[in-house]
Amino acid sequence: MNVLVVDDNESVADSLAFLLDCYGHHAAVAYDGETALRLLHAGAFEIAFLDENLPDIKGSAVARSLRETPICSAAFLVSMTGDAVSQADIVRLFDVYLQKPFSCEALMHVIEDARCSSDAATRQAA
Protein backbone atom coordinates (compact mmCIF):
# COMPACT_ATOMS: atom_id res chain seq x y z
CA MET A 1 0.00 0.00 0.00
CA ASN A 2 1.06 3.60 -0.55
CA VAL A 3 1.24 5.19 2.88
CA LEU A 4 1.89 8.72 4.13
CA VAL A 5 3.18 9.16 7.67
CA VAL A 6 2.72 12.67 9.08
CA ASP A 7 4.41 13.55 12.37
CA ASP A 8 6.44 16.59 13.44
CA ASN A 9 8.72 14.31 15.45
CA GLU A 10 11.05 13.32 12.62
CA SER A 11 12.34 10.24 14.46
CA VAL A 12 8.81 8.92 14.95
CA ALA A 13 7.81 9.62 11.33
CA ASP A 14 10.98 8.14 9.87
CA SER A 15 10.86 5.06 12.11
CA LEU A 16 7.22 4.35 11.29
CA ALA A 17 7.89 4.80 7.56
CA PHE A 18 10.90 2.46 7.80
CA LEU A 19 8.82 -0.17 9.59
CA LEU A 20 6.07 0.08 6.97
CA ASP A 21 8.67 -0.23 4.19
CA CYS A 22 10.03 -3.35 5.89
CA TYR A 23 6.54 -4.86 5.72
CA GLY A 24 6.41 -4.24 1.96
CA HIS A 25 4.52 -0.96 1.87
CA HIS A 26 5.66 2.23 0.15
CA ALA A 27 5.88 4.93 2.81
CA ALA A 28 6.51 8.63 2.44
CA VAL A 29 6.83 11.15 5.27
CA ALA A 30 5.77 14.70 6.01
CA TYR A 31 6.71 16.63 9.12
CA ASP A 32 3.93 19.26 8.99
CA GLY A 33 0.35 19.65 7.87
CA GLU A 34 1.00 21.89 4.85
CA THR A 35 3.42 19.37 3.34
CA ALA A 36 0.99 16.56 4.15
CA LEU A 37 -1.84 18.32 2.31
CA ARG A 38 0.38 19.00 -0.68
CA LEU A 39 1.51 15.37 -0.86
CA LEU A 40 -1.97 13.96 -0.30
CA HIS A 41 -3.47 16.14 -3.03
CA ALA A 42 -0.64 15.27 -5.46
CA GLY A 43 -0.12 11.59 -4.69
CA ALA A 44 -2.13 8.42 -4.63
CA PHE A 45 -1.93 7.45 -0.97
CA GLU A 46 -4.27 4.74 0.20
CA ILE A 47 -3.67 5.42 3.89
CA ALA A 48 -2.40 8.38 5.90
CA PHE A 49 -1.23 8.30 9.51
CA LEU A 50 -1.79 11.81 10.90
CA ASP A 51 -0.36 13.09 14.16
CA GLU A 52 -2.88 15.45 15.76
CA ASN A 53 -0.39 17.94 17.20
CA LEU A 54 1.41 19.21 14.13
CA PRO A 55 3.17 22.59 14.36
CA ASP A 56 1.12 24.39 11.71
CA ILE A 57 -2.17 22.57 11.09
CA LYS A 58 -3.79 20.04 13.41
CA GLY A 59 -4.08 16.52 12.04
CA SER A 60 -7.87 16.79 12.34
CA ALA A 61 -7.80 19.92 10.13
CA VAL A 62 -5.80 18.00 7.52
CA ALA A 63 -8.36 15.18 7.72
CA ARG A 64 -11.25 17.64 7.42
CA SER A 65 -9.69 19.17 4.28
CA LEU A 66 -9.23 15.73 2.74
CA ARG A 67 -12.79 14.62 3.52
CA GLU A 68 -14.07 17.76 1.79
CA THR A 69 -12.02 17.10 -1.36
CA PRO A 70 -13.69 14.49 -3.60
CA ILE A 71 -10.45 13.13 -5.08
CA CYS A 72 -8.93 12.56 -1.62
CA SER A 73 -12.03 11.73 0.42
CA ALA A 74 -11.60 7.97 0.02
CA ALA A 75 -8.19 7.84 1.71
CA PHE A 76 -8.10 5.70 4.86
CA LEU A 77 -7.17 8.15 7.63
CA VAL A 78 -5.57 7.17 10.92
CA SER A 79 -5.29 9.59 13.82
CA MET A 80 -2.16 9.15 15.94
CA THR A 81 -1.71 11.08 19.14
CA GLY A 82 -0.53 10.76 22.68
CA ASP A 83 -3.16 13.28 23.85
CA ALA A 84 -6.84 12.86 24.50
CA VAL A 85 -8.85 14.14 21.55
CA SER A 86 -12.51 14.70 20.89
CA GLN A 87 -14.20 11.37 20.18
CA ALA A 88 -16.65 13.16 17.87
CA ASP A 89 -13.80 14.39 15.65
CA ILE A 90 -12.28 10.90 15.49
CA VAL A 91 -15.54 9.23 14.50
CA ARG A 92 -16.37 11.91 11.94
CA LEU A 93 -12.96 12.49 10.34
CA PHE A 94 -10.85 9.38 10.85
CA ASP A 95 -11.29 5.72 10.07
CA VAL A 96 -9.12 4.62 13.01
CA TYR A 97 -7.52 6.13 16.11
CA LEU A 98 -4.16 4.92 17.43
CA GLN A 99 -3.09 6.05 20.88
CA LYS A 100 0.69 6.61 21.07
CA PRO A 101 2.66 4.62 21.84
CA PHE A 102 1.12 1.78 19.86
CA SER A 103 2.35 -1.75 19.18
CA CYS A 104 3.48 -3.21 15.89
CA GLU A 105 0.51 -5.57 16.18
CA ALA A 106 -1.90 -2.62 16.40
CA LEU A 107 -0.20 -1.03 13.39
CA MET A 108 -0.56 -4.19 11.29
CA HIS A 109 -4.21 -4.48 12.34
CA VAL A 110 -4.83 -0.94 11.05
CA ILE A 111 -3.08 -1.73 7.76
CA GLU A 112 -5.29 -4.80 7.35
CA ASP A 113 -8.40 -2.70 8.09
CA ALA A 114 -7.29 -0.22 5.42
CA ARG A 115 -6.67 -3.01 2.93
CA CYS A 116 -10.12 -4.50 3.57
CA SER A 117 -11.70 -1.06 3.25
CA SER A 118 -9.89 -0.48 -0.04
CA ASP A 119 -10.92 -3.90 -1.37
CA ALA A 120 -14.57 -3.23 -0.46
CA ALA A 121 -14.49 0.16 -2.20
CA THR A 122 -12.98 -1.39 -5.32
CA ARG A 123 -15.67 -4.10 -5.42
CA GLN A 124 -18.38 -1.49 -4.92
CA ALA A 125 -17.08 0.66 -7.79
CA ALA A 126 -16.97 -2.30 -10.19
C-alpha atoms as a PDB file:
ATOM      1  CA  MET A   1       0.000   0.000   0.000  1.00  0.00           C
ATOM      2  CA  ASN A   2       1.062   3.597  -0.549  1.00  0.00           C
ATOM      3  CA  VAL A   3       1.236   5.193   2.883  1.00  0.00           C
ATOM      4  CA  LEU A   4       1.887   8.717   4.131  1.00  0.00           C
ATOM      5  CA  VAL A   5       3.181   9.163   7.672  1.00  0.00           C
ATOM      6  CA  VAL A   6       2.724  12.671   9.080  1.00  0.00           C
ATOM      7  CA  ASP A   7       4.410  13.554  12.370  1.00  0.00           C
ATOM      8  CA  ASP A   8       6.436  16.590  13.435  1.00  0.00           C
ATOM      9  CA  ASN A   9       8.718  14.311  15.452  1.00  0.00           C
ATOM     10  CA  GLU A  10      11.053  13.317  12.622  1.00  0.00           C
ATOM     11  CA  SER A  11      12.340  10.238  14.463  1.00  0.00           C
ATOM     12  CA  VAL A  12       8.810   8.917  14.947  1.00  0.00           C
ATOM     13  CA  ALA A  13       7.808   9.623  11.332  1.00  0.00           C
ATOM     14  CA  ASP A  14      10.980   8.139   9.866  1.00  0.00           C
ATOM     15  CA  SER A  15      10.865   5.059  12.111  1.00  0.00           C
ATOM     16  CA  LEU A  16       7.225   4.346  11.292  1.00  0.00           C
ATOM     17  CA  ALA A  17       7.894   4.805   7.564  1.00  0.00           C
ATOM     18  CA  PHE A  18      10.902   2.464   7.797  1.00  0.00           C
ATOM     19  CA  LEU A  19       8.817  -0.172   9.587  1.00  0.00           C
ATOM     20  CA  LEU A  20       6.072   0.083   6.971  1.00  0.00           C
ATOM     21  CA  ASP A  21       8.669  -0.230   4.195  1.00  0.00           C
ATOM     22  CA  CYS A  22      10.034  -3.349   5.895  1.00  0.00           C
ATOM     23  CA  TYR A  23       6.541  -4.857   5.722  1.00  0.00           C
ATOM     24  CA  GLY A  24       6.407  -4.242   1.964  1.00  0.00           C
ATOM     25  CA  HIS A  25       4.516  -0.956   1.871  1.00  0.00           C
ATOM     26  CA  HIS A  26       5.659   2.229   0.146  1.00  0.00           C
ATOM     27  CA  ALA A  27       5.884   4.927   2.807  1.00  0.00           C
ATOM     28  CA  ALA A  28       6.515   8.634   2.439  1.00  0.00           C
ATOM     29  CA  VAL A  29       6.827  11.154   5.273  1.00  0.00           C
ATOM     30  CA  ALA A  30       5.766  14.703   6.006  1.00  0.00           C
ATOM     31  CA  TYR A  31       6.706  16.630   9.122  1.00  0.00           C
ATOM     32  CA  ASP A  32       3.933  19.255   8.985  1.00  0.00           C
ATOM     33  CA  GLY A  33       0.349  19.651   7.865  1.00  0.00           C
ATOM     34  CA  GLU A  34       1.003  21.891   4.848  1.00  0.00           C
ATOM     35  CA  THR A  35       3.421  19.368   3.344  1.00  0.00           C
ATOM     36  CA  ALA A  36       0.994  16.562   4.146  1.00  0.00           C
ATOM     37  CA  LEU A  37      -1.836  18.323   2.315  1.00  0.00           C
ATOM     38  CA  ARG A  38       0.378  19.005  -0.678  1.00  0.00           C
ATOM     39  CA  LEU A  39       1.505  15.368  -0.860  1.00  0.00           C
ATOM     40  CA  LEU A  40      -1.972  13.963  -0.296  1.00  0.00           C
ATOM     41  CA  HIS A  41      -3.471  16.136  -3.030  1.00  0.00           C
ATOM     42  CA  ALA A  42      -0.643  15.273  -5.457  1.00  0.00           C
ATOM     43  CA  GLY A  43      -0.118  11.590  -4.692  1.00  0.00           C
ATOM     44  CA  ALA A  44      -2.132   8.422  -4.634  1.00  0.00           C
ATOM     45  CA  PHE A  45      -1.926   7.446  -0.973  1.00  0.00           C
ATOM     46  CA  GLU A  46      -4.273   4.741   0.201  1.00  0.00           C
ATOM     47  CA  ILE A  47      -3.671   5.415   3.889  1.00  0.00           C
ATOM     48  CA  ALA A  48      -2.396   8.376   5.897  1.00  0.00           C
ATOM     49  CA  PHE A  49      -1.231   8.296   9.507  1.00  0.00           C
ATOM     50  CA  LEU A  50      -1.789  11.808  10.904  1.00  0.00           C
ATOM     51  CA  ASP A  51      -0.364  13.093  14.159  1.00  0.00           C
ATOM     52  CA  GLU A  52      -2.882  15.449  15.760  1.00  0.00           C
ATOM     53  CA  ASN A  53      -0.394  17.937  17.205  1.00  0.00           C
ATOM     54  CA  LEU A  54       1.410  19.211  14.133  1.00  0.00           C
ATOM     55  CA  PRO A  55       3.173  22.593  14.361  1.00  0.00           C
ATOM     56  CA  ASP A  56       1.125  24.388  11.710  1.00  0.00           C
ATOM     57  CA  ILE A  57      -2.169  22.571  11.094  1.00  0.00           C
ATOM     58  CA  LYS A  58      -3.786  20.045  13.414  1.00  0.00           C
ATOM     59  CA  GLY A  59      -4.084  16.519  12.039  1.00  0.00           C
ATOM     60  CA  SER A  60      -7.868  16.791  12.337  1.00  0.00           C
ATOM     61  CA  ALA A  61      -7.802  19.922  10.130  1.00  0.00           C
ATOM     62  CA  VAL A  62      -5.796  17.997   7.520  1.00  0.00           C
ATOM     63  CA  ALA A  63      -8.362  15.179   7.721  1.00  0.00           C
ATOM     64  CA  ARG A  64     -11.252  17.644   7.417  1.00  0.00           C
ATOM     65  CA  SER A  65      -9.685  19.173   4.285  1.00  0.00           C
ATOM     66  CA  LEU A  66      -9.230  15.727   2.739  1.00  0.00           C
ATOM     67  CA  ARG A  67     -12.788  14.621   3.522  1.00  0.00           C
ATOM     68  CA  GLU A  68     -14.073  17.756   1.795  1.00  0.00           C
ATOM     69  CA  THR A  69     -12.017  17.098  -1.362  1.00  0.00           C
ATOM     70  CA  PRO A  70     -13.691  14.489  -3.600  1.00  0.00           C
ATOM     71  CA  ILE A  71     -10.448  13.133  -5.080  1.00  0.00           C
ATOM     72  CA  CYS A  72      -8.933  12.557  -1.622  1.00  0.00           C
ATOM     73  CA  SER A  73     -12.032  11.729   0.422  1.00  0.00           C
ATOM     74  CA  ALA A  74     -11.602   7.965   0.020  1.00  0.00           C
ATOM     75  CA  ALA A  75      -8.187   7.839   1.712  1.00  0.00           C
ATOM     76  CA  PHE A  76      -8.097   5.695   4.857  1.00  0.00           C
ATOM     77  CA  LEU A  77      -7.170   8.154   7.635  1.00  0.00           C
ATOM     78  CA  VAL A  78      -5.570   7.171  10.925  1.00  0.00           C
ATOM     79  CA  SER A  79      -5.290   9.593  13.824  1.00  0.00           C
ATOM     80  CA  MET A  80      -2.165   9.151  15.941  1.00  0.00           C
ATOM     81  CA  THR A  81      -1.713  11.084  19.140  1.00  0.00           C
ATOM     82  CA  GLY A  82      -0.533  10.759  22.676  1.00  0.00           C
ATOM     83  CA  ASP A  83      -3.157  13.275  23.850  1.00  0.00           C
ATOM     84  CA  ALA A  84      -6.836  12.859  24.499  1.00  0.00           C
ATOM     85  CA  VAL A  85      -8.853  14.142  21.553  1.00  0.00           C
ATOM     86  CA  SER A  86     -12.515  14.701  20.893  1.00  0.00           C
ATOM     87  CA  GLN A  87     -14.198  11.369  20.183  1.00  0.00           C
ATOM     88  CA  ALA A  88     -16.651  13.155  17.868  1.00  0.00           C
ATOM     89  CA  ASP A  89     -13.796  14.393  15.649  1.00  0.00           C
ATOM     90  CA  ILE A  90     -12.278  10.903  15.488  1.00  0.00           C
ATOM     91  CA  VAL A  91     -15.540   9.234  14.497  1.00  0.00           C
ATOM     92  CA  ARG A  92     -16.367  11.908  11.939  1.00  0.00           C
ATOM     93  CA  LEU A  93     -12.965  12.487  10.336  1.00  0.00           C
ATOM     94  CA  PHE A  94     -10.852   9.377  10.853  1.00  0.00           C
ATOM     95  CA  ASP A  95     -11.287   5.717  10.072  1.00  0.00           C
ATOM     96  CA  VAL A  96      -9.124   4.618  13.015  1.00  0.00           C
ATOM     97  CA  TYR A  97      -7.524   6.133  16.109  1.00  0.00           C
ATOM     98  CA  LEU A  98      -4.162   4.917  17.425  1.00  0.00           C
ATOM     99  CA  GLN A  99      -3.092   6.052  20.884  1.00  0.00           C
ATOM    100  CA  LYS A 100       0.685   6.610  21.065  1.00  0.00           C
ATOM    101  CA  PRO A 101       2.664   4.616  21.836  1.00  0.00           C
ATOM    102  CA  PHE A 102       1.120   1.778  19.861  1.00  0.00           C
ATOM    103  CA  SER A 103       2.346  -1.746  19.184  1.00  0.00           C
ATOM    104  CA  CYS A 104       3.483  -3.213  15.892  1.00  0.00           C
ATOM    105  CA  GLU A 105       0.508  -5.575  16.184  1.00  0.00           C
ATOM    106  CA  ALA A 106      -1.897  -2.615  16.404  1.00  0.00           C
ATOM    107  CA  LEU A 107      -0.196  -1.032  13.385  1.00  0.00           C
ATOM    108  CA  MET A 108      -0.559  -4.192  11.295  1.00  0.00           C
ATOM    109  CA  HIS A 109      -4.206  -4.480  12.339  1.00  0.00           C
ATOM    110  CA  VAL A 110      -4.827  -0.943  11.053  1.00  0.00           C
ATOM    111  CA  ILE A 111      -3.076  -1.731   7.758  1.00  0.00           C
ATOM    112  CA  GLU A 112      -5.289  -4.796   7.347  1.00  0.00           C
ATOM    113  CA  ASP A 113      -8.398  -2.702   8.093  1.00  0.00           C
ATOM    114  CA  ALA A 114      -7.286  -0.217   5.424  1.00  0.00           C
ATOM    115  CA  ARG A 115      -6.672  -3.010   2.931  1.00  0.00           C
ATOM    116  CA  CYS A 116     -10.121  -4.504   3.574  1.00  0.00           C
ATOM    117  CA  SER A 117     -11.703  -1.063   3.252  1.00  0.00           C
ATOM    118  CA  SER A 118      -9.889  -0.483  -0.042  1.00  0.00           C
ATOM    119  CA  ASP A 119     -10.923  -3.904  -1.369  1.00  0.00           C
ATOM    120  CA  ALA A 120     -14.568  -3.229  -0.461  1.00  0.00           C
ATOM    121  CA  ALA A 121     -14.494   0.160  -2.204  1.00  0.00           C
ATOM    122  CA  THR A 122     -12.980  -1.391  -5.322  1.00  0.00           C
ATOM    123  CA  ARG A 123     -15.672  -4.096  -5.424  1.00  0.00           C
ATOM    124  CA  GLN A 124     -18.377  -1.490  -4.917  1.00  0.00           C
ATOM    125  CA  ALA A 125     -17.076   0.664  -7.790  1.00  0.00           C
ATOM    126  CA  ALA A 126     -16.973  -2.302 -10.195  1.00  0.00           C
END
